[in-house]
Amino acid sequence: MTNFSIWEVLFLLCFAVSWPVSIAKSLRTKVVIGKSPFFMSLVILGYIFGIIHKALYSHDIVIWLYVFNALLVATDLILYCTYIGQNRKDLQHK
């Protein structure tokens, strides 16, 4: 289907640009203190709800932006889980 909202696309593209910045910072610094895994999990859940809505009621190409964004946030959450243990150890030794 080709009938989609340009506003929805722009909204999702803004987030699609924002998450890689957060991911790059985590990869570069390996510091994730201050990030919220609860927040990231809620954002992923929101994208999942968007995917479900698109699949059930408004199936169009925009569904792939929801999937892409969910994968970006999941990547950031994985980096959080990867680095948080070392970050906490580093704080204890200061």
PDB file of N, CA and C in Angstrom:
ATOM      1  N   MET A   1       0.837  -1.179   0.000  1.00  0.00           N
ATOM      2  CA  MET A   1       0.000   0.000   0.000  1.00  0.00           C
ATOM      3  C   MET A   1       0.888   1.251   0.000  1.00  0.00           C
ATOM      4  N   THR A   2       0.426   2.279  -0.652  1.00  0.00           N
ATOM      5  CA  THR A   2       1.225   3.493  -0.758  1.00  0.00           C
ATOM      6  C   THR A   2       0.592   4.684  -0.061  1.00  0.00           C
ATOM      7  N   ASN A   3      -0.537   4.508   0.565  1.00  0.00           N
ATOM      8  CA  ASN A   3      -1.211   5.610   1.225  1.00  0.00           C
ATOM      9  C   ASN A   3      -0.794   5.657   2.698  1.00  0.00           C
ATOM     10  N   PHE A   4       0.227   6.472   3.010  1.00  0.00           N
ATOM     11  CA  PHE A   4       0.711   6.570   4.379  1.00  0.00           C
ATOM     12  C   PHE A   4       0.872   8.032   4.744  1.00  0.00           C
ATOM     13  N   SER A   5       1.022   8.278   6.021  1.00  0.00           N
ATOM     14  CA  SER A   5       1.153   9.642   6.519  1.00  0.00           C
ATOM     15  C   SER A   5       2.608  10.097   6.480  1.00  0.00           C
ATOM     16  N   ILE A   6       2.872  11.178   5.793  1.00  0.00           N
ATOM     17  CA  ILE A   6       4.225  11.735   5.752  1.00  0.00           C
ATOM     18  C   ILE A   6       4.654  12.182   7.145  1.00  0.00           C
ATOM     19  N   TRP A   7       3.698  12.599   7.973  1.00  0.00           N
ATOM     20  CA  TRP A   7       4.010  13.053   9.329  1.00  0.00           C
ATOM     21  C   TRP A   7       4.490  11.884  10.189  1.00  0.00           C
ATOM     22  N   GLU A   8       3.874  10.747  10.018  1.00  0.00           N
ATOM     23  CA  GLU A   8       4.309   9.554  10.740  1.00  0.00           C
ATOM     24  C   GLU A   8       5.717   9.152  10.294  1.00  0.00           C
ATOM     25  N   VAL A   9       5.963   9.231   8.997  1.00  0.00           N
ATOM     26  CA  VAL A   9       7.288   8.908   8.465  1.00  0.00           C
ATOM     27  C   VAL A   9       8.330   9.866   9.033  1.00  0.00           C
ATOM     28  N   LEU A  10       8.041  11.163   9.035  1.00  0.00           N
ATOM     29  CA  LEU A  10       8.996  12.146   9.559  1.00  0.00           C
ATOM     30  C   LEU A  10       9.259  11.927  11.050  1.00  0.00           C
ATOM     31  N   PHE A  11       8.212  11.619  11.801  1.00  0.00           N
ATOM     32  CA  PHE A  11       8.351  11.314  13.229  1.00  0.00           C
ATOM     33  C   PHE A  11       9.306  10.145  13.426  1.00  0.00           C
ATOM     34  N   LEU A  12       9.088   9.068  12.698  1.00  0.00           N
ATOM     35  CA  LEU A  12       9.926   7.879  12.843  1.00  0.00           C
ATOM     36  C   LEU A  12      11.349   8.118  12.342  1.00  0.00           C
ATOM     37  N   LEU A  13      11.507   8.924  11.309  1.00  0.00           N
ATOM     38  CA  LEU A  13      12.852   9.234  10.815  1.00  0.00           C
ATOM     39  C   LEU A  13      13.647  10.059  11.825  1.00  0.00           C
ATOM     40  N   CYS A  14      12.981  10.969  12.515  1.00  0.00           N
ATOM     41  CA  CYS A  14      13.677  11.747  13.553  1.00  0.00           C
ATOM     42  C   CYS A  14      14.234  10.819  14.627  1.00  0.00           C
ATOM     43  N   PHE A  15      13.445   9.861  15.044  1.00  0.00           N
ATOM     44  CA  PHE A  15      13.933   8.908  16.034  1.00  0.00           C
ATOM     45  C   PHE A  15      14.990   7.989  15.440  1.00  0.00           C
ATOM     46  N   ALA A  16      14.842   7.644  14.178  1.00  0.00           N
ATOM     47  CA  ALA A  16      15.821   6.775  13.517  1.00  0.00           C
ATOM     48  C   ALA A  16      17.180   7.451  13.410  1.00  0.00           C
ATOM     49  N   VAL A  17      17.211   8.768  13.425  1.00  0.00           N
ATOM     50  CA  VAL A  17      18.479   9.499  13.413  1.00  0.00           C
ATOM     51  C   VAL A  17      19.023   9.646  14.844  1.00  0.00           C
ATOM     52  N   SER A  18      18.144   9.783  15.803  1.00  0.00           N
ATOM     53  CA  SER A  18      18.554  10.016  17.186  1.00  0.00           C
ATOM     54  C   SER A  18      19.185   8.792  17.844  1.00  0.00           C
ATOM     55  N   TRP A  19      18.622   7.627  17.659  1.00  0.00           N
ATOM     56  CA  TRP A  19      19.126   6.439  18.346  1.00  0.00           C
ATOM     57  C   TRP A  19      20.543   6.071  17.948  1.00  0.00           C
ATOM     58  N   PRO A  20      20.935   6.164  16.675  1.00  0.00           N
ATOM     59  CA  PRO A  20      22.328   5.845  16.342  1.00  0.00           C
ATOM     60  C   PRO A  20      23.340   6.748  17.056  1.00  0.00           C
ATOM     61  N   VAL A  21      22.955   7.978  17.364  1.00  0.00           N
ATOM     62  CA  VAL A  21      23.842   8.875  18.120  1.00  0.00           C
ATOM     63  C   VAL A  21      24.081   8.286  19.511  1.00  0.00           C
ATOM     64  N   SER A  22      23.028   7.817  20.155  1.00  0.00           N
ATOM     65  CA  SER A  22      23.149   7.204  21.476  1.00  0.00           C
ATOM     66  C   SER A  22      23.968   5.915  21.405  1.00  0.00           C
ATOM     67  N   ILE A  23      23.728   5.116  20.381  1.00  0.00           N
ATOM     68  CA  ILE A  23      24.470   3.870  20.197  1.00  0.00           C
ATOM     69  C   ILE A  23      25.953   4.160  19.981  1.00  0.00           C
ATOM     70  N   ALA A  24      26.253   5.124  19.129  1.00  0.00           N
ATOM     71  CA  ALA A  24      27.647   5.466  18.841  1.00  0.00           C
ATOM     72  C   ALA A  24      28.367   5.933  20.097  1.00  0.00           C
ATOM     73  N   LYS A  25      27.686   6.724  20.923  1.00  0.00           N
ATOM     74  CA  LYS A  25      28.301   7.199  22.166  1.00  0.00           C
ATOM     75  C   LYS A  25      28.593   6.029  23.105  1.00  0.00           C
ATOM     76  N   SER A  26      27.662   5.094  23.199  1.00  0.00           N
ATOM     77  CA  SER A  26      27.879   3.919  24.045  1.00  0.00           C
ATOM     78  C   SER A  26      29.055   3.090  23.535  1.00  0.00           C
ATOM     79  N   LEU A  27      29.137   2.912  22.248  1.00  0.00           N
ATOM     80  CA  LEU A  27      30.232   2.137  21.675  1.00  0.00           C
ATOM     81  C   LEU A  27      31.576   2.839  21.855  1.00  0.00           C
ATOM     82  N   ARG A  28      31.580   4.153  21.689  1.00  0.00           N
ATOM     83  CA  ARG A  28      32.820   4.933  21.783  1.00  0.00           C
ATOM     84  C   ARG A  28      33.329   5.021  23.218  1.00  0.00           C
ATOM     85  N   THR A  29      32.435   5.305  24.157  1.00  0.00           N
ATOM     86  CA  THR A  29      32.855   5.549  25.541  1.00  0.00           C
ATOM     87  C   THR A  29      32.713   4.328  26.445  1.00  0.00           C
ATOM     88  N   LYS A  30      31.851   3.403  26.044  1.00  0.00           N
ATOM     89  CA  LYS A  30      31.517   2.245  26.872  1.00  0.00           C
ATOM     90  C   LYS A  30      30.940   2.657  28.237  1.00  0.00           C
ATOM     91  N   VAL A  31      30.374   3.852  28.285  1.00  0.00           N
ATOM     92  CA  VAL A  31      29.742   4.360  29.505  1.00  0.00           C
ATOM     93  C   VAL A  31      28.236   4.459  29.253  1.00  0.00           C
ATOM     94  N   VAL A  32      27.478   3.750  30.083  1.00  0.00           N
ATOM     95  CA  VAL A  32      26.019   3.753  29.925  1.00  0.00           C
ATOM     96  C   VAL A  32      25.308   4.221  31.188  1.00  0.00           C
ATOM     97  N   ILE A  33      26.086   4.599  32.200  1.00  0.00           N
ATOM     98  CA  ILE A  33      25.491   5.138  33.424  1.00  0.00           C
ATOM     99  C   ILE A  33      24.636   6.349  33.032  1.00  0.00           C
ATOM    100  N   GLY A  34      23.440   6.406  33.557  1.00  0.00           N
ATOM    101  CA  GLY A  34      22.536   7.507  33.240  1.00  0.00           C
ATOM    102  C   GLY A  34      21.475   7.115  32.225  1.00  0.00           C
ATOM    103  N   LYS A  35      21.713   6.041  31.496  1.00  0.00           N
ATOM    104  CA  LYS A  35      20.674   5.557  30.588  1.00  0.00           C
ATOM    105  C   LYS A  35      19.697   4.720  31.392  1.00  0.00           C
ATOM    106  N   SER A  36      18.471   4.689  30.943  1.00  0.00           N
ATOM    107  CA  SER A  36      17.431   3.962  31.663  1.00  0.00           C
ATOM    108  C   SER A  36      16.970   2.752  30.853  1.00  0.00           C
ATOM    109  N   PRO A  37      17.267   1.546  31.342  1.00  0.00           N
ATOM    110  CA  PRO A  37      16.781   0.360  30.634  1.00  0.00           C
ATOM    111  C   PRO A  37      15.251   0.274  30.658  1.00  0.00           C
ATOM    112  N   PHE A  38      14.637   0.791  31.721  1.00  0.00           N
ATOM    113  CA  PHE A  38      13.172   0.816  31.786  1.00  0.00           C
ATOM    114  C   PHE A  38      12.607   1.686  30.670  1.00  0.00           C
ATOM    115  N   PHE A  39      13.189   2.880  30.493  1.00  0.00           N
ATOM    116  CA  PHE A  39      12.745   3.782  29.429  1.00  0.00           C
ATOM    117  C   PHE A  39      12.917   3.129  28.060  1.00  0.00           C
ATOM    118  N   MET A  40      14.092   2.553  27.825  1.00  0.00           N
ATOM    119  CA  MET A  40      14.334   1.925  26.524  1.00  0.00           C
ATOM    120  C   MET A  40      13.363   0.776  26.283  1.00  0.00           C
ATOM    121  N   SER A  41      13.058   0.016  27.326  1.00  0.00           N
ATOM    122  CA  SER A  41      12.100  -1.082  27.189  1.00  0.00           C
ATOM    123  C   SER A  41      10.709  -0.564  26.851  1.00  0.00           C
ATOM    124  N   LEU A  42      10.311   0.544  27.478  1.00  0.00           N
ATOM    125  CA  LEU A  42       9.010   1.147  27.154  1.00  0.00           C
ATOM    126  C   LEU A  42       8.966   1.649  25.717  1.00  0.00           C
ATOM    127  N   VAL A  43      10.064   2.211  25.244  1.00  0.00           N
ATOM    128  CA  VAL A  43      10.116   2.696  23.859  1.00  0.00           C
ATOM    129  C   VAL A  43       9.989   1.510  22.896  1.00  0.00           C
ATOM    130  N   ILE A  44      10.705   0.430  23.180  1.00  0.00           N
ATOM    131  CA  ILE A  44      10.592  -0.767  22.340  1.00  0.00           C
ATOM    132  C   ILE A  44       9.150  -1.271  22.334  1.00  0.00           C
ATOM    133  N   LEU A  45       8.525  -1.311  23.518  1.00  0.00           N
ATOM    134  CA  LEU A  45       7.129  -1.741  23.614  1.00  0.00           C
ATOM    135  C   LEU A  45       6.224  -0.834  22.770  1.00  0.00           C
ATOM    136  N   GLY A  46       6.477   0.464  22.817  1.00  0.00           N
ATOM    137  CA  GLY A  46       5.704   1.392  21.994  1.00  0.00           C
ATOM    138  C   GLY A  46       5.854   1.096  20.506  1.00  0.00           C
ATOM    139  N   TYR A  47       7.079   0.817  20.081  1.00  0.00           N
ATOM    140  CA  TYR A  47       7.290   0.459  18.673  1.00  0.00           C
ATOM    141  C   TYR A  47       6.596  -0.852  18.330  1.00  0.00           C
ATOM    142  N   ILE A  48       6.612  -1.810  19.245  1.00  0.00           N
ATOM    143  CA  ILE A  48       5.908  -3.071  19.001  1.00  0.00           C
ATOM    144  C   ILE A  48       4.418  -2.821  18.824  1.00  0.00           C
ATOM    145  N   PHE A  49       3.854  -1.947  19.656  1.00  0.00           N
ATOM    146  CA  PHE A  49       2.439  -1.605  19.496  1.00  0.00           C
ATOM    147  C   PHE A  49       2.195  -0.934  18.142  1.00  0.00           C
ATOM    148  N   GLY A  50       3.119  -0.078  17.711  1.00  0.00           N
ATOM    149  CA  GLY A  50       3.001   0.543  16.394  1.00  0.00           C
ATOM    150  C   GLY A  50       3.043  -0.492  15.284  1.00  0.00           C
ATOM    151  N   ILE A  51       3.915  -1.483  15.424  1.00  0.00           N
ATOM    152  CA  ILE A  51       4.011  -2.564  14.433  1.00  0.00           C
ATOM    153  C   ILE A  51       2.708  -3.355  14.385  1.00  0.00           C
ATOM    154  N   ILE A  52       2.172  -3.660  15.563  1.00  0.00           N
ATOM    155  CA  ILE A  52       0.907  -4.404  15.618  1.00  0.00           C
ATOM    156  C   ILE A  52      -0.208  -3.610  14.950  1.00  0.00           C
ATOM    157  N   HIS A  53      -0.279  -2.309  15.262  1.00  0.00           N
ATOM    158  CA  HIS A  53      -1.308  -1.467  14.638  1.00  0.00           C
ATOM    159  C   HIS A  53      -1.169  -1.484  13.122  1.00  0.00           C
ATOM    160  N   LYS A  54       0.067  -1.307  12.647  1.00  0.00           N
ATOM    161  CA  LYS A  54       0.293  -1.294  11.200  1.00  0.00           C
ATOM    162  C   LYS A  54      -0.092  -2.635  10.578  1.00  0.00           C
ATOM    163  N   ALA A  55       0.273  -3.730  11.236  1.00  0.00           N
ATOM    164  CA  ALA A  55      -0.020  -5.059  10.692  1.00  0.00           C
ATOM    165  C   ALA A  55      -1.525  -5.337  10.642  1.00  0.00           C
ATOM    166  N   LEU A  56      -2.265  -4.861  11.653  1.00  0.00           N
ATOM    167  CA  LEU A  56      -3.681  -5.175  11.733  1.00  0.00           C
ATOM    168  C   LEU A  56      -4.592  -4.189  11.003  1.00  0.00           C
ATOM    169  N   TYR A  57      -4.239  -2.887  11.044  1.00  0.00           N
ATOM    170  CA  TYR A  57      -5.196  -1.883  10.586  1.00  0.00           C
ATOM    171  C   TYR A  57      -4.716  -0.987   9.456  1.00  0.00           C
ATOM    172  N   SER A  58      -3.458  -0.846   9.299  1.00  0.00           N
ATOM    173  CA  SER A  58      -2.964   0.153   8.343  1.00  0.00           C
ATOM    174  C   SER A  58      -1.660  -0.329   7.711  1.00  0.00           C
ATOM    175  N   HIS A  59      -1.696  -1.538   7.181  1.00  0.00           N
ATOM    176  CA  HIS A  59      -0.467  -2.147   6.677  1.00  0.00           C
ATOM    177  C   HIS A  59       0.077  -1.352   5.489  1.00  0.00           C
ATOM    178  N   ASP A  60       1.230  -0.749   5.713  1.00  0.00           N
ATOM    179  CA  ASP A  60       1.933  -0.036   4.643  1.00  0.00           C
ATOM    180  C   ASP A  60       3.427  -0.132   4.912  1.00  0.00           C
ATOM    181  N   ILE A  61       4.205   0.474   4.067  1.00  0.00           N
ATOM    182  CA  ILE A  61       5.665   0.372   4.143  1.00  0.00           C
ATOM    183  C   ILE A  61       6.239   0.987   5.420  1.00  0.00           C
ATOM    184  N   VAL A  62       5.484   1.853   6.063  1.00  0.00           N
ATOM    185  CA  VAL A  62       5.942   2.524   7.286  1.00  0.00           C
ATOM    186  C   VAL A  62       6.204   1.510   8.409  1.00  0.00           C
ATOM    187  N   ILE A  63       5.592   0.346   8.328  1.00  0.00           N
ATOM    188  CA  ILE A  63       5.821  -0.689   9.339  1.00  0.00           C
ATOM    189  C   ILE A  63       7.309  -0.973   9.495  1.00  0.00           C
ATOM    190  N   TRP A  64       8.059  -0.870   8.384  1.00  0.00           N
ATOM    191  CA  TRP A  64       9.498  -1.165   8.428  1.00  0.00           C
ATOM    192  C   TRP A  64      10.275  -0.096   9.193  1.00  0.00           C
ATOM    193  N   LEU A  65       9.766   1.125   9.248  1.00  0.00           N
ATOM    194  CA  LEU A  65      10.401   2.150  10.078  1.00  0.00           C
ATOM    195  C   LEU A  65      10.214   1.835  11.564  1.00  0.00           C
ATOM    196  N   TYR A  66       9.047   1.308  11.914  1.00  0.00           N
ATOM    197  CA  TYR A  66       8.824   0.880  13.295  1.00  0.00           C
ATOM    198  C   TYR A  66       9.779  -0.262  13.659  1.00  0.00           C
ATOM    199  N   VAL A  67       9.913  -1.222  12.760  1.00  0.00           N
ATOM    200  CA  VAL A  67      10.817  -2.356  12.998  1.00  0.00           C
ATOM    201  C   VAL A  67      12.248  -1.856  13.138  1.00  0.00           C
ATOM    202  N   PHE A  68      12.675  -0.996  12.220  1.00  0.00           N
ATOM    203  CA  PHE A  68      14.038  -0.461  12.249  1.00  0.00           C
ATOM    204  C   PHE A  68      14.309   0.282  13.556  1.00  0.00           C
ATOM    205  N   ASN A  69      13.382   1.139  13.956  1.00  0.00           N
ATOM    206  CA  ASN A  69      13.539   1.889  15.204  1.00  0.00           C
ATOM    207  C   ASN A  69      13.581   0.955  16.407  1.00  0.00           C
ATOM    208  N   ALA A  70      12.718  -0.049  16.426  1.00  0.00           N
ATOM    209  CA  ALA A  70      12.720  -1.002  17.537  1.00  0.00           C
ATOM    210  C   ALA A  70      14.067  -1.717  17.621  1.00  0.00           C
ATOM    211  N   LEU A  71      14.640  -2.060  16.475  1.00  0.00           N
ATOM    212  CA  LEU A  71      15.951  -2.717  16.456  1.00  0.00           C
ATOM    213  C   LEU A  71      17.051  -1.784  16.954  1.00  0.00           C
ATOM    214  N   LEU A  72      16.953  -0.507  16.615  1.00  0.00           N
ATOM    215  CA  LEU A  72      17.943   0.462  17.100  1.00  0.00           C
ATOM    216  C   LEU A  72      17.893   0.571  18.623  1.00  0.00           C
ATOM    217  N   VAL A  73      16.699   0.686  19.163  1.00  0.00           N
ATOM    218  CA  VAL A  73      16.567   0.815  20.613  1.00  0.00           C
ATOM    219  C   VAL A  73      17.002  -0.487  21.294  1.00  0.00           C
ATOM    220  N   ALA A  74      16.664  -1.618  20.689  1.00  0.00           N
ATOM    221  CA  ALA A  74      17.091  -2.905  21.243  1.00  0.00           C
ATOM    222  C   ALA A  74      18.620  -3.000  21.258  1.00  0.00           C
ATOM    223  N   THR A  75      19.264  -2.474  20.232  1.00  0.00           N
ATOM    224  CA  THR A  75      20.722  -2.447  20.189  1.00  0.00           C
ATOM    225  C   THR A  75      21.273  -1.613  21.334  1.00  0.00           C
ATOM    226  N   ASP A  76      20.680  -0.461  21.561  1.00  0.00           N
ATOM    227  CA  ASP A  76      21.122   0.399  22.666  1.00  0.00           C
ATOM    228  C   ASP A  76      20.903  -0.295  24.011  1.00  0.00           C
ATOM    229  N   LEU A  77      19.804  -1.004  24.148  1.00  0.00           N
ATOM    230  CA  LEU A  77      19.522  -1.742  25.387  1.00  0.00           C
ATOM    231  C   LEU A  77      20.536  -2.873  25.587  1.00  0.00           C
ATOM    232  N   ILE A  78      20.887  -3.551  24.526  1.00  0.00           N
ATOM    233  CA  ILE A  78      21.902  -4.611  24.608  1.00  0.00           C
ATOM    234  C   ILE A  78      23.246  -4.022  25.032  1.00  0.00           C
ATOM    235  N   LEU A  79      23.593  -2.872  24.477  1.00  0.00           N
ATOM    236  CA  LEU A  79      24.844  -2.214  24.876  1.00  0.00           C
ATOM    237  C   LEU A  79      24.797  -1.831  26.351  1.00  0.00           C
ATOM    238  N   TYR A  80      23.653  -1.364  26.806  1.00  0.00           N
ATOM    239  CA  TYR A  80      23.492  -1.045  28.223  1.00  0.00           C
ATOM    240  C   TYR A  80      23.788  -2.287  29.066  1.00  0.00           C
ATOM    241  N   CYS A  81      23.156  -3.382  28.725  1.00  0.00           N
ATOM    242  CA  CYS A  81      23.347  -4.622  29.489  1.00  0.00           C
ATOM    243  C   CYS A  81      24.792  -5.112  29.419  1.00  0.00           C
ATOM    244  N   THR A  82      25.449  -4.871  28.303  1.00  0.00           N
ATOM    245  CA  THR A  82      26.836  -5.286  28.115  1.00  0.00           C
ATOM    246  C   THR A  82      27.789  -4.483  28.988  1.00  0.00           C
ATOM    247  N   TYR A  83      27.579  -3.173  29.078  1.00  0.00           N
ATOM    248  CA  TYR A  83      28.545  -2.289  29.733  1.00  0.00           C
ATOM    249  C   TYR A  83      28.215  -1.907  31.171  1.00  0.00           C
ATOM    250  N   ILE A  84      26.980  -2.099  31.615  1.00  0.00           N
ATOM    251  CA  ILE A  84      26.592  -1.572  32.920  1.00  0.00           C
ATOM    252  C   ILE A  84      27.367  -2.227  34.067  1.00  0.00           C
ATOM    253  N   GLY A  85      27.661  -3.508  33.964  1.00  0.00           N
ATOM    254  CA  GLY A  85      28.402  -4.180  35.030  1.00  0.00           C
ATOM    255  C   GLY A  85      29.776  -3.567  35.234  1.00  0.00           C
ATOM    256  N   GLN A  86      30.488  -3.347  34.157  1.00  0.00           N
ATOM    257  CA  GLN A  86      31.818  -2.740  34.252  1.00  0.00           C
ATOM    258  C   GLN A  86      31.718  -1.291  34.737  1.00  0.00           C
ATOM    259  N   ASN A  87      30.699  -0.573  34.268  1.00  0.00           N
ATOM    260  CA  ASN A  87      30.510   0.813  34.712  1.00  0.00           C
ATOM    261  C   ASN A  87      30.318   0.878  36.220  1.00  0.00           C
ATOM    262  N   ARG A  88      29.538  -0.037  36.762  1.00  0.00           N
ATOM    263  CA  ARG A  88      29.303  -0.054  38.211  1.00  0.00           C
ATOM    264  C   ARG A  88      30.572  -0.411  38.974  1.00  0.00           C
ATOM    265  N   LYS A  89      31.359  -1.352  38.448  1.00  0.00           N
ATOM    266  CA  LYS A  89      32.629  -1.717  39.084  1.00  0.00           C
ATOM    267  C   LYS A  89      33.581  -0.514  39.080  1.00  0.00           C
ATOM    268  N   ASP A  90      33.618   0.189  37.953  1.00  0.00           N
ATOM    269  CA  ASP A  90      34.488   1.363  37.849  1.00  0.00           C
ATOM    270  C   ASP A  90      34.090   2.422  38.865  1.00  0.00           C
ATOM    271  N   LEU A  91      32.792   2.604  39.094  1.00  0.00           N
ATOM    272  CA  LEU A  91      32.333   3.592  40.077  1.00  0.00           C
ATOM    273  C   LEU A  91      32.715   3.187  41.493  1.00  0.00           C
ATOM    274  N   GLN A  92      32.696   1.899  41.780  1.00  0.00           N
ATOM    275  CA  GLN A  92      33.044   1.424  43.123  1.00  0.00           C
ATOM    276  C   GLN A  92      34.523   1.607  43.423  1.00  0.00           C
ATOM    277  N   HIS A  93      35.358   1.595  42.407  1.00  0.00           N
ATOM    278  CA  HIS A  93      36.804   1.711  42.599  1.00  0.00           C
ATOM    279  C   HIS A  93      37.291   3.146  42.595  1.00  0.00           C
ATOM    280  N   LYS A  94      36.401   4.090  42.488  1.00  0.00           N
ATOM    281  CA  LYS A  94      36.803   5.497  42.474  1.00  0.00           C
ATOM    282  C   LYS A  94      36.797   6.063  43.859  1.00  0.00           C
TER     283      LYS A  94
END
